[in-house]
């Protein structure tokens, strides 16, 4: 997961510490289940979601609703297998 540096203060977590976190762990005030449901077709078809707008509350600033957008895409290993962990570079 990556986010803009401007959002870092709102999240209160350094970007390198977010790798491997589920979306709900970063932004529990957002509808993480709905967002994660959108990730399944990306995994299955490879068709990306680009600039999907969502509203919710962030860990470091839960008193205010925030609007953010996210993009998601499938990562494949060089061997063609899904995933980004181990087994060589991703494409």
Protein backbone atom coordinates (compact mmCIF):
# COMPACT_ATOMS: atom_id res chain seq x y z
CA UNK A 1 0.00 0.00 0.00
CA UNK A 2 1.20 3.50 -0.80
CA UNK A 3 -0.38 6.82 0.01
CA UNK A 4 0.53 10.40 -0.68
CA UNK A 5 2.98 12.04 1.70
CA UNK A 6 0.33 14.65 2.49
CA UNK A 7 -1.85 11.90 3.94
CA UNK A 8 0.93 10.61 6.19
CA UNK A 9 0.17 13.03 8.98
CA UNK A 10 -3.51 12.07 8.91
CA UNK A 11 -2.76 8.37 9.14
CA UNK A 12 -0.04 8.76 11.72
CA UNK A 13 1.86 5.76 10.29
CA UNK A 14 5.00 5.84 8.10
CA UNK A 15 4.33 4.47 4.62
CA UNK A 16 6.94 1.69 4.87
CA UNK A 17 5.15 0.37 7.97
CA UNK A 18 1.91 -0.09 6.01
CA UNK A 19 3.10 -2.90 3.73
CA UNK A 20 0.94 -5.94 4.24
CA UNK A 21 -1.74 -4.14 6.27
CA UNK A 22 -5.36 -4.79 5.32
CA UNK A 23 -7.25 -1.64 4.39
CA UNK A 24 -9.31 -1.85 7.60
CA UNK A 25 -6.12 -1.56 9.65
CA UNK A 26 -5.21 1.74 8.02
CA UNK A 27 -8.62 3.35 7.78
CA UNK A 28 -11.07 1.63 10.16
CA UNK A 29 -13.59 4.45 9.68
CA UNK A 30 -14.06 3.52 6.01
CA UNK A 31 -16.23 0.68 4.72
CA UNK A 32 -13.28 -1.68 4.35
CA UNK A 33 -15.44 -4.71 3.54
CA UNK A 34 -16.96 -2.94 0.54
CA UNK A 35 -13.53 -1.81 -0.64
CA UNK A 36 -12.01 -5.26 -0.16
CA UNK A 37 -14.95 -6.81 -2.10
CA UNK A 38 -13.92 -4.61 -5.04
CA UNK A 39 -10.43 -6.13 -4.90
CA UNK A 40 -11.63 -9.68 -5.66
CA UNK A 41 -12.50 -8.99 -9.34
CA UNK A 42 -9.16 -7.20 -9.74
CA UNK A 43 -7.41 -10.36 -8.54
CA UNK A 44 -9.55 -12.57 -10.78
CA UNK A 45 -9.63 -10.52 -14.00
CA UNK A 46 -6.62 -8.23 -13.78
CA UNK A 47 -8.81 -5.20 -14.57
CA UNK A 48 -7.65 -2.30 -12.39
CA UNK A 49 -9.76 0.13 -10.39
CA UNK A 50 -8.52 3.69 -10.90
CA UNK A 51 -9.30 6.67 -8.69
CA UNK A 52 -12.28 5.22 -6.80
CA UNK A 53 -13.56 7.88 -4.37
CA UNK A 54 -14.49 6.83 -0.82
CA UNK A 55 -15.45 8.68 2.37
CA UNK A 56 -14.67 7.82 5.96
CA UNK A 57 -12.51 8.57 8.99
CA UNK A 58 -8.77 8.05 9.47
CA UNK A 59 -6.82 6.75 12.49
CA UNK A 60 -4.99 10.00 13.17
CA UNK A 61 -7.97 12.30 12.60
CA UNK A 62 -11.17 10.43 13.40
CA UNK A 63 -13.12 13.56 14.37
CA UNK A 64 -13.59 14.53 10.72
CA UNK A 65 -14.85 12.71 7.66
CA UNK A 66 -12.29 12.53 4.85
CA UNK A 67 -12.60 11.91 1.14
CA UNK A 68 -9.85 9.95 -0.55
CA UNK A 69 -9.39 8.01 -3.72
CA UNK A 70 -7.61 4.75 -4.27
CA UNK A 71 -6.41 2.79 -7.24
CA UNK A 72 -5.77 -0.95 -7.15
CA UNK A 73 -4.20 -3.34 -9.61
CA UNK A 74 -3.19 -6.98 -9.71
CA UNK A 75 0.46 -7.83 -9.26
CA UNK A 76 1.97 -10.88 -10.95
CA UNK A 77 5.30 -12.53 -10.38
CA UNK A 78 7.61 -12.80 -13.37
CA UNK A 79 6.53 -16.46 -13.56
CA UNK A 80 2.95 -15.31 -14.20
CA UNK A 81 1.68 -16.40 -10.78
CA UNK A 82 -0.33 -13.93 -8.72
CA UNK A 83 1.25 -12.12 -5.82
CA UNK A 84 4.12 -9.94 -4.87
CA UNK A 85 5.77 -11.85 -2.04
CA UNK A 86 8.79 -14.07 -2.65
CA UNK A 87 9.56 -16.00 -5.77
CA UNK A 88 11.15 -13.19 -7.74
CA UNK A 89 10.19 -9.83 -9.19
CA UNK A 90 6.67 -8.68 -10.01
CA UNK A 91 5.44 -7.30 -13.30
